[in-house]
Amino acid sequence: MDEIKNGITKLIDKGLEWPPTLPEFMHLCKPERLAPYHQMATPQLPAPEIDPDLVSGELHKIRKLLRCAA
């Protein structure tokens, strides 16, 4: 129902011809489904959990290796 309401609202706001064709109305209701793939929203991975103690320990190891290499 929300998609249909969205389509009717867009139809009125844009002042388009009434009645629209079925493809026109579907495009107004669900434009994201008709958009090219590269324009679609991409899902995002959640942010990784960071353990400050682990980070600190690994940085200590890296610094130690860098001092030995110099």
N, C-alpha and C. Protein backbone atom coordinates (compact mmCIF):
# COMPACT_ATOMS: atom_id res chain seq x y z
N MET A 1 0.82 -1.19 0.00
CA MET A 1 0.00 0.00 0.00
C MET A 1 0.87 1.26 0.00
N ASP A 2 2.01 1.21 0.72
CA ASP A 2 2.88 2.37 0.75
C ASP A 2 3.46 2.68 -0.63
N GLU A 3 3.77 1.63 -1.40
CA GLU A 3 4.32 1.84 -2.74
C GLU A 3 3.27 2.45 -3.67
N ILE A 4 2.04 2.02 -3.54
CA ILE A 4 0.97 2.57 -4.37
C ILE A 4 0.73 4.03 -4.00
N LYS A 5 0.72 4.31 -2.70
CA LYS A 5 0.56 5.69 -2.23
C LYS A 5 1.70 6.55 -2.76
N ASN A 6 2.91 6.02 -2.74
CA ASN A 6 4.07 6.74 -3.25
C ASN A 6 3.90 7.04 -4.73
N GLY A 7 3.43 6.06 -5.49
CA GLY A 7 3.21 6.26 -6.92
C GLY A 7 2.17 7.32 -7.21
N ILE A 8 1.07 7.30 -6.49
CA ILE A 8 0.01 8.30 -6.69
C ILE A 8 0.50 9.69 -6.31
N THR A 9 1.23 9.78 -5.20
CA THR A 9 1.77 11.06 -4.76
C THR A 9 2.72 11.64 -5.81
N LYS A 10 3.62 10.80 -6.35
CA LYS A 10 4.55 11.27 -7.38
C LYS A 10 3.79 11.69 -8.64
N LEU A 11 2.76 10.94 -8.98
CA LEU A 11 1.95 11.25 -10.16
C LEU A 11 1.33 12.65 -10.02
N ILE A 12 0.79 12.93 -8.85
CA ILE A 12 0.16 14.23 -8.60
C ILE A 12 1.21 15.33 -8.54
N ASP A 13 2.30 15.10 -7.82
CA ASP A 13 3.36 16.11 -7.66
C ASP A 13 3.98 16.50 -9.00
N LYS A 14 4.16 15.54 -9.88
CA LYS A 14 4.78 15.81 -11.18
C LYS A 14 3.78 16.32 -12.21
N GLY A 15 2.50 16.27 -11.89
CA GLY A 15 1.47 16.74 -12.81
C GLY A 15 1.39 15.92 -14.09
N LEU A 16 1.61 14.63 -13.96
CA LEU A 16 1.61 13.75 -15.13
C LEU A 16 0.19 13.46 -15.60
N GLU A 17 0.10 12.98 -16.84
CA GLU A 17 -1.19 12.67 -17.45
C GLU A 17 -1.90 11.55 -16.68
N TRP A 18 -3.21 11.69 -16.55
CA TRP A 18 -4.02 10.69 -15.84
C TRP A 18 -4.91 9.99 -16.84
N PRO A 19 -5.09 8.74 -16.82
CA PRO A 19 -4.35 7.76 -16.02
C PRO A 19 -3.01 7.42 -16.68
N PRO A 20 -2.04 7.08 -15.86
CA PRO A 20 -0.75 6.68 -16.44
C PRO A 20 -0.86 5.27 -17.01
N THR A 21 0.09 4.92 -17.85
CA THR A 21 0.14 3.52 -18.32
C THR A 21 0.64 2.67 -17.15
N LEU A 22 0.44 1.39 -17.24
CA LEU A 22 0.88 0.50 -16.17
C LEU A 22 2.39 0.60 -15.95
N PRO A 23 3.23 0.55 -17.02
CA PRO A 23 4.67 0.69 -16.78
C PRO A 23 5.05 2.03 -16.15
N GLU A 24 4.37 3.10 -16.56
CA GLU A 24 4.65 4.41 -15.95
C GLU A 24 4.33 4.39 -14.46
N PHE A 25 3.19 3.83 -14.12
CA PHE A 25 2.79 3.80 -12.71
C PHE A 25 3.72 2.91 -11.89
N MET A 26 4.13 1.79 -12.47
CA MET A 26 5.06 0.91 -11.76
C MET A 26 6.38 1.63 -11.52
N HIS A 27 6.82 2.40 -12.49
CA HIS A 27 8.06 3.16 -12.34
C HIS A 27 7.92 4.19 -11.23
N LEU A 28 6.77 4.82 -11.12
CA LEU A 28 6.53 5.80 -10.06
C LEU A 28 6.49 5.13 -8.69
N CYS A 29 5.96 3.93 -8.63
CA CYS A 29 5.85 3.22 -7.35
C CYS A 29 7.18 2.64 -6.91
N LYS A 30 7.93 2.08 -7.83
CA LYS A 30 9.17 1.37 -7.49
C LYS A 30 10.29 1.76 -8.45
N PRO A 31 10.72 3.00 -8.47
CA PRO A 31 11.77 3.37 -9.42
C PRO A 31 13.10 2.67 -9.16
N GLU A 32 13.38 2.31 -7.92
CA GLU A 32 14.66 1.66 -7.62
C GLU A 32 14.76 0.27 -8.25
N ARG A 33 13.66 -0.39 -8.47
CA ARG A 33 13.70 -1.72 -9.09
C ARG A 33 13.95 -1.64 -10.59
N LEU A 34 13.66 -0.48 -11.18
CA LEU A 34 13.85 -0.33 -12.61
C LEU A 34 15.17 0.36 -12.94
N ALA A 35 15.88 0.82 -11.90
CA ALA A 35 17.15 1.51 -12.12
C ALA A 35 18.23 0.52 -12.50
N PRO A 36 19.22 0.98 -13.24
CA PRO A 36 20.36 0.10 -13.55
C PRO A 36 21.05 -0.37 -12.28
N TYR A 37 21.71 -1.50 -12.37
CA TYR A 37 22.33 -2.12 -11.21
C TYR A 37 23.29 -1.18 -10.50
N HIS A 38 24.08 -0.42 -11.26
CA HIS A 38 25.08 0.45 -10.63
C HIS A 38 24.45 1.61 -9.88
N GLN A 39 23.17 1.87 -10.07
CA GLN A 39 22.50 2.94 -9.35
C GLN A 39 21.74 2.43 -8.13
N MET A 40 21.66 1.14 -7.96
CA MET A 40 20.91 0.57 -6.85
C MET A 40 21.75 0.68 -5.57
N ALA A 41 21.08 0.76 -4.46
CA ALA A 41 21.77 0.82 -3.18
C ALA A 41 22.50 -0.49 -2.94
N THR A 42 23.72 -0.38 -2.47
CA THR A 42 24.51 -1.58 -2.19
C THR A 42 24.50 -1.85 -0.69
N PRO A 43 24.36 -3.10 -0.32
CA PRO A 43 24.37 -3.42 1.12
C PRO A 43 25.75 -3.17 1.70
N GLN A 44 25.79 -2.78 2.95
CA GLN A 44 27.04 -2.51 3.62
C GLN A 44 27.27 -3.52 4.73
N LEU A 45 28.52 -3.89 4.90
CA LEU A 45 28.88 -4.77 5.99
C LEU A 45 28.87 -3.99 7.30
N PRO A 46 28.58 -4.64 8.41
CA PRO A 46 28.65 -3.93 9.69
C PRO A 46 30.10 -3.58 10.02
N ALA A 47 30.26 -2.53 10.80
CA ALA A 47 31.61 -2.12 11.21
C ALA A 47 32.23 -3.23 12.06
N PRO A 48 33.53 -3.48 11.86
CA PRO A 48 34.16 -4.53 12.65
C PRO A 48 34.30 -4.13 14.11
N GLU A 49 34.27 -5.12 14.97
CA GLU A 49 34.49 -4.85 16.39
C GLU A 49 35.99 -4.72 16.61
N ILE A 50 36.39 -3.72 17.35
CA ILE A 50 37.80 -3.45 17.57
C ILE A 50 38.14 -3.67 19.04
N ASP A 51 39.15 -4.51 19.27
CA ASP A 51 39.64 -4.77 20.63
C ASP A 51 40.87 -3.90 20.83
N PRO A 52 40.78 -2.85 21.66
CA PRO A 52 41.90 -1.94 21.85
C PRO A 52 43.17 -2.65 22.35
N ASP A 53 43.01 -3.66 23.18
CA ASP A 53 44.18 -4.38 23.69
C ASP A 53 44.88 -5.14 22.56
N LEU A 54 44.10 -5.75 21.70
CA LEU A 54 44.67 -6.47 20.57
C LEU A 54 45.41 -5.51 19.63
N VAL A 55 44.81 -4.37 19.34
CA VAL A 55 45.42 -3.37 18.47
C VAL A 55 46.74 -2.89 19.08
N SER A 56 46.71 -2.58 20.34
CA SER A 56 47.91 -2.11 21.03
C SER A 56 49.02 -3.16 20.97
N GLY A 57 48.68 -4.40 21.22
CA GLY A 57 49.67 -5.48 21.18
C GLY A 57 50.26 -5.66 19.80
N GLU A 58 49.43 -5.61 18.76
CA GLU A 58 49.92 -5.77 17.39
C GLU A 58 50.79 -4.60 16.97
N LEU A 59 50.41 -3.38 17.38
CA LEU A 59 51.25 -2.22 17.07
C LEU A 59 52.61 -2.34 17.76
N HIS A 60 52.62 -2.85 18.97
CA HIS A 60 53.88 -3.06 19.69
C HIS A 60 54.77 -4.03 18.91
N LYS A 61 54.18 -5.12 18.41
CA LYS A 61 54.95 -6.09 17.62
C LYS A 61 55.52 -5.45 16.35
N ILE A 62 54.73 -4.64 15.68
CA ILE A 62 55.17 -3.99 14.43
C ILE A 62 56.32 -3.04 14.72
N ARG A 63 56.17 -2.24 15.79
CA ARG A 63 57.24 -1.30 16.14
C ARG A 63 58.53 -2.03 16.46
N LYS A 64 58.42 -3.16 17.17
CA LYS A 64 59.60 -3.94 17.52
C LYS A 64 60.27 -4.47 16.25
N LEU A 65 59.47 -4.99 15.30
CA LEU A 65 60.03 -5.48 14.04
C LEU A 65 60.71 -4.36 13.24
N LEU A 66 60.11 -3.17 13.25
CA LEU A 66 60.68 -2.05 12.52
C LEU A 66 62.01 -1.59 13.14
N ARG A 67 62.09 -1.64 14.44
CA ARG A 67 63.35 -1.26 15.11
C ARG A 67 64.44 -2.25 14.77
N CYS A 68 64.11 -3.54 14.68
CA CYS A 68 65.11 -4.57 14.35
C CYS A 68 65.56 -4.46 12.91
N ALA A 69 64.69 -4.01 12.02
CA ALA A 69 65.00 -3.94 10.60
C ALA A 69 65.87 -2.73 10.27
N ALA A 70 65.86 -1.71 11.13
CA ALA A 70 66.59 -0.47 10.84
C ALA A 70 68.06 -0.56 11.08
